[in-house]
Amino acid sequence: MLTNVRIGRKTRGFTLVELLVVIAIIGILVALLLPAVQAAREAARRMSCSNNLKQIGIALHNYHDTYKTFPPDAIWWGGNRKTGLSRTTNNAGVSGGQRNYTWIALILPFMEQQPLHDRIDFKVPGLRQNIGNNTELQSVVLPAFLCPSDPTYGDKPQAGDSTSPQGFGYTSYAGNAGWDRHRRWLNDQRRAGVFTLIDPVSLRDIKDGTSNTIAVGEVTVSGYCNSWTNTASSCYSSPSGRWGGGVGTIRSGRGRVTRSLLVASASWNSSHAWVLQAGMGPMLDATGAAGQIWRPQWRSPYIAAPVYYDHYPMNNNWPGAGSTHPGGAMFTLADASVRFIPETISTGNHSNLGRGGNVWVAAHTVLGASSQNSEAQVVWP
């Protein structure tokens, strides 16, 4: 008779060596997959940024269809969008007269922000203007003007000061103001970039063609910060370094600057001015506390609006274009198309950008390269 005999088997677990091998394999797989995941996330953020810029380009063209020009970079309160910051509408001598409105405020109806636009009283200064629900105009934040790749995306705007306790809304996108090495005489503000102080630009003024001229570009919203008031967690490093610093150097300066979204600040004390158009924000004192003066750093008289200069190569310093996208930044051209431009684009000698045939300058002037003593033609990389 056959009988079933249960033969017991001795079971054993993983040895320590085997367990370490498994963990090492998992670690290698994660290390291989993580860059791909990060790249996919950045691709999605870059696509969202591109969509933002496309909508801005469409809005600018709808604005142009309505007013026959692109908007000026800013207007005085009570001023005229057709004359921008002309002296005939200069309210700077009036108390609060330097608190004005950016070009972004002017295109709000074309960005599906008609209700917000209707709550703004353009006849009075914008700073501290209550637009309802206990909200001040300068503190408004609009996601359509923020790049998801920027580390400050979603943060509360710059800490306020005694002038604006609610802080300031910022933007990741700025208009092309041309080349900043010109002497910025009041009556010579026209025909440099797409966004000018007076005499706004129309499509027929763009001599090189709208597909060869930059209208709006990315800017890093934090601008720069100084080492005694901010850390890398609140002010990130320059992707490509900056003048006077190596790659990855934290951008430094006298204070931290952000580009204001809706409320500009501007004044001048004579019939002409050297104008700084790069950014604005509450100045910080040596202790890190917010200062009492809300204006661009170190230069006055001034006009501050979300515009940038092509004198500064991409990702070089806060008055220029820049982004945290690897290798370059997104731009809206004057024909409303969107293009990623690598930071390797020809810029010539950045200490004398108006000469030497560089593409960067040629793409920023509505008059064409010859107006900047350059023979460069715009051939996109």
Protein backbone atom coordinates (compact mmCIF):
# COMPACT_ATOMS: atom_id res chain seq x y z
CA MET A 1 0.00 0.00 0.00
CA LEU A 2 1.23 3.35 -0.95
CA THR A 3 0.98 6.03 1.63
CA ASN A 4 1.25 9.76 1.22
CA VAL A 5 4.27 11.01 2.96
CA ARG A 6 4.48 14.77 3.57
CA ILE A 7 8.00 15.84 3.12
CA GLY A 8 8.67 19.09 4.91
CA ARG A 9 10.70 21.72 3.13
CA LYS A 10 12.88 24.11 4.93
CA THR A 11 12.07 27.70 3.83
CA ARG A 12 14.43 30.60 4.10
CA GLY A 13 14.16 34.38 3.64
CA PHE A 14 16.36 36.80 1.75
CA THR A 15 19.84 37.14 2.96
CA LEU A 16 21.09 40.59 3.80
CA VAL A 17 23.23 40.63 0.68
CA GLU A 18 20.24 39.75 -1.52
CA LEU A 19 18.13 42.44 0.13
CA LEU A 20 20.82 45.05 -0.46
CA VAL A 21 21.07 44.01 -4.11
CA VAL A 22 17.31 44.43 -4.56
CA ILE A 23 17.40 47.85 -2.90
CA ALA A 24 20.32 48.86 -5.11
CA ILE A 25 18.44 47.78 -8.24
CA ILE A 26 15.38 49.76 -7.18
CA GLY A 27 17.58 52.78 -6.50
CA ILE A 28 19.15 52.53 -9.96
CA LEU A 29 15.73 52.30 -11.59
CA VAL A 30 14.50 55.34 -9.67
CA ALA A 31 17.65 57.27 -10.62
CA LEU A 32 17.06 56.40 -14.27
CA LEU A 33 13.36 57.26 -14.22
CA LEU A 34 13.48 60.44 -12.13
CA PRO A 35 15.09 62.65 -14.81
CA ALA A 36 12.51 61.44 -17.30
CA VAL A 37 9.70 62.30 -14.88
CA GLN A 38 11.22 65.72 -14.19
CA ALA A 39 11.66 66.34 -17.92
CA ALA A 40 8.03 65.43 -18.53
CA ARG A 41 6.89 67.81 -15.81
CA GLU A 42 9.03 70.62 -17.19
CA ALA A 43 7.66 69.94 -20.68
CA ALA A 44 4.14 70.33 -19.30
CA ARG A 45 5.07 73.56 -17.51
CA ARG A 46 6.73 74.90 -20.63
CA MET A 47 3.61 74.11 -22.66
CA SER A 48 1.49 75.98 -20.12
CA CYS A 49 3.90 78.93 -20.31
CA SER A 50 3.68 78.84 -24.11
CA ASN A 51 -0.12 78.91 -23.91
CA ASN A 52 0.04 81.95 -21.61
CA LEU A 53 2.23 83.81 -24.09
CA LYS A 54 0.00 82.80 -26.99
CA GLN A 55 -3.04 84.28 -25.24
CA ILE A 56 -1.08 87.48 -24.54
CA GLY A 57 -0.15 87.68 -28.23
CA ILE A 58 -3.77 87.25 -29.31
CA ALA A 59 -4.86 89.87 -26.77
CA LEU A 60 -2.30 92.35 -28.12
CA HIS A 61 -3.63 91.88 -31.64
CA ASN A 62 -7.22 92.28 -30.49
CA TYR A 63 -6.13 95.45 -28.72
CA HIS A 64 -4.46 96.59 -31.94
CA ASP A 65 -7.66 95.87 -33.90
CA THR A 66 -9.54 98.12 -31.49
CA TYR A 67 -7.09 101.00 -31.01
CA LYS A 68 -4.95 100.64 -34.17
CA THR A 69 -1.73 100.43 -32.13
CA PHE A 70 -0.19 98.18 -29.53
CA PRO A 71 -0.51 99.56 -25.98
CA PRO A 72 2.13 101.92 -24.56
CA ASP A 73 4.19 100.35 -21.81
CA ALA A 74 2.33 102.45 -19.24
CA ILE A 75 -0.07 105.37 -18.95
CA TRP A 76 -0.52 108.11 -16.40
CA TRP A 77 -3.67 107.92 -14.34
CA GLY A 78 -6.17 110.08 -16.13
CA GLY A 79 -3.95 109.80 -19.19
CA ASN A 80 -4.54 108.77 -22.76
CA ARG A 81 -3.66 105.32 -24.06
CA LYS A 82 -2.93 106.87 -27.45
CA THR A 83 -0.22 109.14 -26.07
CA GLY A 84 1.08 106.93 -23.27
CA LEU A 85 3.32 108.92 -20.95
CA SER A 86 3.42 112.16 -22.90
CA ARG A 87 3.99 115.34 -20.95
CA THR A 88 0.47 116.50 -21.79
CA THR A 89 -0.86 113.86 -19.42
CA ASN A 90 1.88 114.07 -16.81
CA ASN A 91 0.30 113.94 -13.36
CA ALA A 92 3.58 113.27 -11.60
CA GLY A 93 3.43 116.65 -9.89
CA VAL A 94 0.13 115.70 -8.26
CA SER A 95 0.20 113.75 -5.03
CA GLY A 96 0.22 110.09 -6.01
CA GLY A 97 0.51 111.02 -9.67
CA GLN A 98 3.42 108.67 -10.21
CA ARG A 99 1.23 105.63 -9.55
CA ASN A 100 0.13 104.61 -13.00
CA TYR A 101 -1.05 101.63 -15.06
CA THR A 102 0.91 99.04 -17.00
CA TRP A 103 0.22 97.80 -20.52
CA ILE A 104 -1.14 94.61 -18.95
CA ALA A 105 -3.88 96.61 -17.27
CA LEU A 106 -4.84 97.95 -20.70
CA ILE A 107 -5.24 94.52 -22.33
CA LEU A 108 -7.33 92.97 -19.53
CA PRO A 109 -10.58 93.06 -21.56
CA PHE A 110 -8.86 90.95 -24.22
CA MET A 111 -7.63 88.41 -21.65
CA GLU A 112 -11.13 87.51 -20.40
CA GLN A 113 -10.68 89.95 -17.53
CA GLN A 114 -13.33 92.50 -18.47
CA PRO A 115 -14.90 92.51 -14.94
CA LEU A 116 -11.53 93.34 -13.37
CA HIS A 117 -10.89 96.04 -15.97
CA ASP A 118 -14.29 97.57 -15.28
CA ARG A 119 -13.53 97.84 -11.55
CA ILE A 120 -10.39 99.92 -12.20
CA ASP A 121 -10.80 103.67 -12.06
CA PHE A 122 -8.12 104.87 -14.50
CA LYS A 123 -8.86 108.48 -13.55
CA VAL A 124 -7.17 108.09 -10.16
CA PRO A 125 -3.82 106.58 -9.04
CA GLY A 126 -3.68 102.80 -9.09
CA LEU A 127 -1.69 102.29 -5.90
CA ARG A 128 -3.92 101.41 -2.92
CA GLN A 129 -7.02 101.63 -5.13
CA ASN A 130 -9.75 99.46 -3.60
CA ILE A 131 -11.42 97.43 -6.35
CA GLY A 132 -13.88 95.66 -4.06
CA ASN A 133 -13.82 92.81 -1.54
CA ASN A 134 -11.19 94.71 0.43
CA THR A 135 -8.70 94.07 -2.39
CA GLU A 136 -6.18 96.64 -3.54
CA LEU A 137 -5.38 96.75 -7.24
CA GLN A 138 -1.62 96.35 -6.94
CA SER A 139 -2.03 93.07 -5.04
CA VAL A 140 -4.04 91.29 -7.76
CA VAL A 141 -2.43 88.08 -9.02
CA LEU A 142 -3.45 86.57 -12.38
CA PRO A 143 -2.27 83.01 -13.14
CA ALA A 144 -2.31 83.74 -16.89
CA PHE A 145 0.70 86.02 -16.33
CA LEU A 146 2.74 83.56 -14.28
CA CYS A 147 5.07 80.87 -15.63
CA PRO A 148 4.62 77.55 -13.79
CA SER A 149 8.36 76.85 -14.05
CA ASP A 150 9.27 79.92 -12.03
CA PRO A 151 10.10 78.91 -8.43
CA THR A 152 8.04 81.80 -7.07
CA TYR A 153 4.90 80.64 -8.90
CA GLY A 154 2.00 80.53 -6.48
CA ASP A 155 3.80 82.47 -3.76
CA LYS A 156 2.27 85.53 -2.16
CA PRO A 157 3.46 88.67 -3.96
CA GLN A 158 6.35 90.67 -2.60
CA ALA A 159 6.01 91.58 1.03
CA GLY A 160 4.40 94.96 1.29
CA ASP A 161 5.64 98.10 2.95
CA SER A 162 3.90 101.03 4.57
CA THR A 163 2.77 102.14 1.11
CA SER A 164 1.21 98.81 0.19
CA PRO A 165 0.64 96.38 3.08
CA GLN A 166 -1.12 93.92 0.77
CA GLY A 167 1.97 93.49 -1.40
CA PHE A 168 2.30 93.54 -5.17
CA GLY A 169 1.09 91.18 -7.83
CA TYR A 170 3.85 90.24 -10.23
CA THR A 171 4.22 88.94 -13.77
CA SER A 172 6.50 86.44 -15.49
CA TYR A 173 6.10 88.23 -18.83
CA ALA A 174 7.40 91.61 -19.93
CA GLY A 175 7.24 93.68 -23.09
CA ASN A 176 10.14 94.38 -25.43
CA ALA A 177 11.27 97.97 -24.73
CA GLY A 178 14.24 97.90 -27.09
CA TRP A 179 17.82 98.80 -26.27
CA ASP A 180 18.66 100.67 -23.08
CA ARG A 181 21.94 102.30 -24.11
CA HIS A 182 20.11 105.10 -25.89
CA ARG A 183 19.91 108.38 -24.05
CA ARG A 184 16.27 108.19 -23.06
CA TRP A 185 15.16 111.71 -23.92
CA LEU A 186 11.46 112.24 -23.41
CA ASN A 187 10.77 113.06 -27.04
CA ASP A 188 12.87 110.16 -28.32
CA GLN A 189 10.97 107.28 -26.71
CA ARG A 190 9.33 106.04 -29.90
CA ARG A 191 10.24 103.37 -32.39
CA ALA A 192 12.70 101.37 -30.30
CA GLY A 193 10.88 98.32 -28.99
CA VAL A 194 7.29 97.26 -29.44
CA PHE A 195 6.43 98.87 -26.09
CA THR A 196 7.29 102.56 -25.92
CA LEU A 197 6.72 105.40 -23.50
CA ILE A 198 4.91 107.61 -25.99
CA ASP A 199 3.56 107.32 -29.51
CA PRO A 200 2.58 103.62 -29.33
CA VAL A 201 3.77 101.29 -32.08
CA SER A 202 1.49 99.94 -34.79
CA LEU A 203 2.00 96.94 -37.07
CA ARG A 204 3.06 99.15 -39.96
CA ASP A 205 5.90 100.53 -37.82
CA ILE A 206 7.57 97.10 -37.58
CA LYS A 207 9.95 97.23 -40.53
CA ASP A 208 11.59 93.81 -40.26
CA GLY A 209 8.28 91.99 -40.18
CA THR A 210 6.20 90.85 -37.24
CA SER A 211 7.57 87.29 -37.39
CA ASN A 212 11.10 88.68 -36.90
CA THR A 213 10.35 91.02 -34.01
CA ILE A 214 9.88 90.09 -30.35
CA ALA A 215 6.88 91.59 -28.60
CA VAL A 216 6.81 89.91 -25.17
CA GLY A 217 9.29 87.67 -23.40
CA GLU A 218 9.73 85.79 -20.19
CA VAL A 219 11.35 87.44 -17.20
CA THR A 220 12.23 85.93 -13.86
CA VAL A 221 9.78 87.53 -11.48
CA SER A 222 12.10 87.71 -8.48
CA GLY A 223 14.62 89.75 -10.41
CA TYR A 224 17.53 89.76 -8.02
CA CYS A 225 17.94 89.70 -4.26
CA ASN A 226 20.74 90.59 -1.91
CA SER A 227 22.56 88.11 0.24
CA TRP A 228 21.73 89.68 3.60
CA THR A 229 17.97 89.68 3.13
CA ASN A 230 17.20 86.59 1.08
CA THR A 231 18.37 83.04 0.67
CA ALA A 232 18.34 80.73 -2.30
CA SER A 233 14.97 79.42 -1.13
CA SER A 234 13.34 82.80 -1.75
CA CYS A 235 15.56 84.10 -4.55
CA TYR A 236 16.92 81.55 -6.95
CA SER A 237 20.21 81.42 -8.76
CA SER A 238 20.74 82.74 -12.24
CA PRO A 239 20.62 79.81 -14.69
CA SER A 240 23.61 81.11 -16.63
CA GLY A 241 25.33 83.32 -14.12
CA ARG A 242 25.41 87.11 -14.32
CA TRP A 243 27.89 89.89 -14.91
CA GLY A 244 30.40 89.80 -12.10
CA GLY A 245 29.39 86.33 -10.95
CA GLY A 246 29.77 82.76 -12.03
CA VAL A 247 27.16 80.27 -13.11
CA GLY A 248 24.69 79.64 -10.32
CA THR A 249 25.59 82.82 -8.45
CA ILE A 250 22.64 84.21 -6.52
CA ARG A 251 21.70 87.48 -8.17
CA SER A 252 22.73 90.32 -5.92
CA GLY A 253 22.00 93.98 -5.64
CA ARG A 254 20.71 96.63 -3.27
CA GLY A 255 17.28 95.11 -2.90
CA ARG A 256 14.87 92.64 -4.29
CA VAL A 257 12.80 93.70 -7.28
CA THR A 258 9.70 92.29 -8.86
CA ARG A 259 7.87 93.35 -12.00
CA SER A 260 4.50 94.73 -11.02
CA LEU A 261 1.50 93.34 -12.88
CA LEU A 262 -1.04 96.17 -13.07
CA VAL A 263 0.27 99.27 -11.25
CA ALA A 264 3.30 101.08 -12.67
CA SER A 265 5.34 103.74 -10.96
CA ALA A 266 6.72 106.66 -12.93
CA SER A 267 7.94 110.20 -12.59
CA TRP A 268 10.49 112.57 -14.01
CA ASN A 269 11.69 115.92 -12.83
CA SER A 270 12.45 117.69 -16.09
CA SER A 271 11.68 117.62 -19.79
CA HIS A 272 13.93 114.60 -20.29
CA ALA A 273 15.07 111.64 -18.25
CA TRP A 274 17.25 108.61 -18.26
CA VAL A 275 14.59 106.02 -17.73
CA LEU A 276 14.88 102.67 -16.03
CA GLN A 277 12.14 100.33 -17.16
CA ALA A 278 13.12 97.05 -15.64
CA GLY A 279 11.23 96.32 -12.45
CA MET A 280 9.82 97.60 -9.23
CA GLY A 281 9.22 96.61 -5.65
CA PRO A 282 9.57 97.77 -2.08
CA MET A 283 13.18 98.52 -1.28
CA LEU A 284 14.75 96.61 1.60
CA ASP A 285 16.99 98.09 4.22
CA ALA A 286 20.11 96.44 5.62
CA THR A 287 18.11 94.52 8.23
CA GLY A 288 15.87 92.95 5.63
CA ALA A 289 12.84 95.00 6.59
CA ALA A 290 10.76 96.51 3.82
CA GLY A 291 11.70 100.09 3.11
CA GLN A 292 9.42 103.07 2.74
CA ILE A 293 10.08 103.76 -0.93
CA TRP A 294 8.39 101.78 -3.68
CA ARG A 295 10.43 102.21 -6.84
CA PRO A 296 13.11 100.57 -8.98
CA GLN A 297 16.46 100.30 -7.33
CA TRP A 298 19.06 103.07 -7.34
CA ARG A 299 17.87 105.18 -10.26
CA SER A 300 15.55 108.17 -10.42
CA PRO A 301 13.65 109.60 -12.20
CA TYR A 302 12.10 106.36 -13.29
CA ILE A 303 9.33 104.55 -15.07
CA ALA A 304 8.59 101.01 -14.01
CA ALA A 305 6.43 98.68 -16.02
CA PRO A 306 6.72 95.03 -16.99
CA VAL A 307 9.16 95.61 -19.84
CA TYR A 308 12.76 94.52 -20.38
CA TYR A 309 15.82 95.65 -22.34
CA ASP A 310 17.65 93.66 -24.98
CA HIS A 311 20.93 95.29 -23.92
CA TYR A 312 21.13 92.47 -21.39
CA PRO A 313 21.55 88.98 -22.86
CA MET A 314 19.08 86.33 -21.84
CA ASN A 315 19.37 85.10 -18.25
CA ASN A 316 22.10 87.64 -17.60
CA ASN A 317 20.69 90.24 -15.25
CA TRP A 318 17.32 91.40 -14.02
CA PRO A 319 16.61 94.11 -16.63
CA GLY A 320 16.81 91.47 -19.35
CA ALA A 321 14.72 88.54 -20.48
CA GLY A 322 15.15 85.24 -18.70
CA SER A 323 13.52 82.12 -17.41
CA THR A 324 14.16 78.94 -15.48
CA HIS A 325 13.41 76.75 -18.49
CA PRO A 326 16.59 74.82 -19.32
CA GLY A 327 18.53 76.46 -22.12
CA GLY A 328 16.46 79.51 -22.98
CA ALA A 329 13.13 81.27 -22.66
CA MET A 330 9.73 81.60 -24.34
CA PHE A 331 8.83 84.67 -26.41
CA THR A 332 5.76 86.03 -28.18
CA LEU A 333 6.59 87.55 -31.54
CA ALA A 334 4.76 90.55 -32.93
CA ASP A 335 2.66 88.26 -35.15
CA ALA A 336 1.34 86.55 -31.96
CA SER A 337 3.30 83.34 -32.58
CA VAL A 338 5.33 81.86 -29.73
CA ARG A 339 8.92 80.71 -30.01
CA PHE A 340 11.45 79.17 -27.64
CA ILE A 341 14.73 81.03 -28.13
CA PRO A 342 17.90 79.36 -26.83
CA GLU A 343 20.24 81.42 -24.67
CA THR A 344 22.97 80.67 -27.23
CA ILE A 345 21.40 83.14 -29.66
CA SER A 346 23.99 85.53 -31.10
CA THR A 347 24.32 88.60 -28.88
CA GLY A 348 27.75 89.85 -29.90
CA ASN A 349 29.62 91.79 -27.25
CA HIS A 350 27.12 92.40 -24.46
CA SER A 351 28.95 95.55 -23.37
CA ASN A 352 28.16 97.08 -26.77
CA LEU A 353 25.14 95.20 -28.02
CA GLY A 354 24.09 97.81 -30.54
CA ARG A 355 27.02 96.99 -32.81
CA GLY A 356 28.52 93.87 -34.27
CA GLY A 357 25.67 92.28 -36.17
CA ASN A 358 23.96 90.29 -33.43
CA VAL A 359 20.55 88.71 -33.86
CA TRP A 360 19.41 89.52 -30.33
CA VAL A 361 19.33 93.28 -30.94
CA ALA A 362 17.90 92.91 -34.44
CA ALA A 363 14.94 90.99 -33.02
CA HIS A 364 14.17 93.74 -30.52
CA THR A 365 13.94 96.82 -32.70
CA VAL A 366 10.91 97.69 -34.80
CA LEU A 367 13.08 99.74 -37.16
CA GLY A 368 15.24 96.83 -38.25
CA ALA A 369 18.85 95.97 -37.55
CA SER A 370 20.23 98.95 -39.46
CA SER A 371 18.75 101.35 -36.92
CA GLN A 372 21.07 99.84 -34.29
CA ASN A 373 24.19 100.05 -36.51
CA SER A 374 23.96 96.33 -37.01
CA GLU A 375 23.93 94.35 -40.22
CA ALA A 376 22.37 91.30 -38.60
CA GLN A 377 19.30 89.71 -40.08
CA VAL A 378 16.94 87.76 -37.86
CA VAL A 379 17.49 84.07 -38.54
CA TRP A 380 16.04 82.15 -35.63
CA PRO A 381 18.30 79.45 -34.16
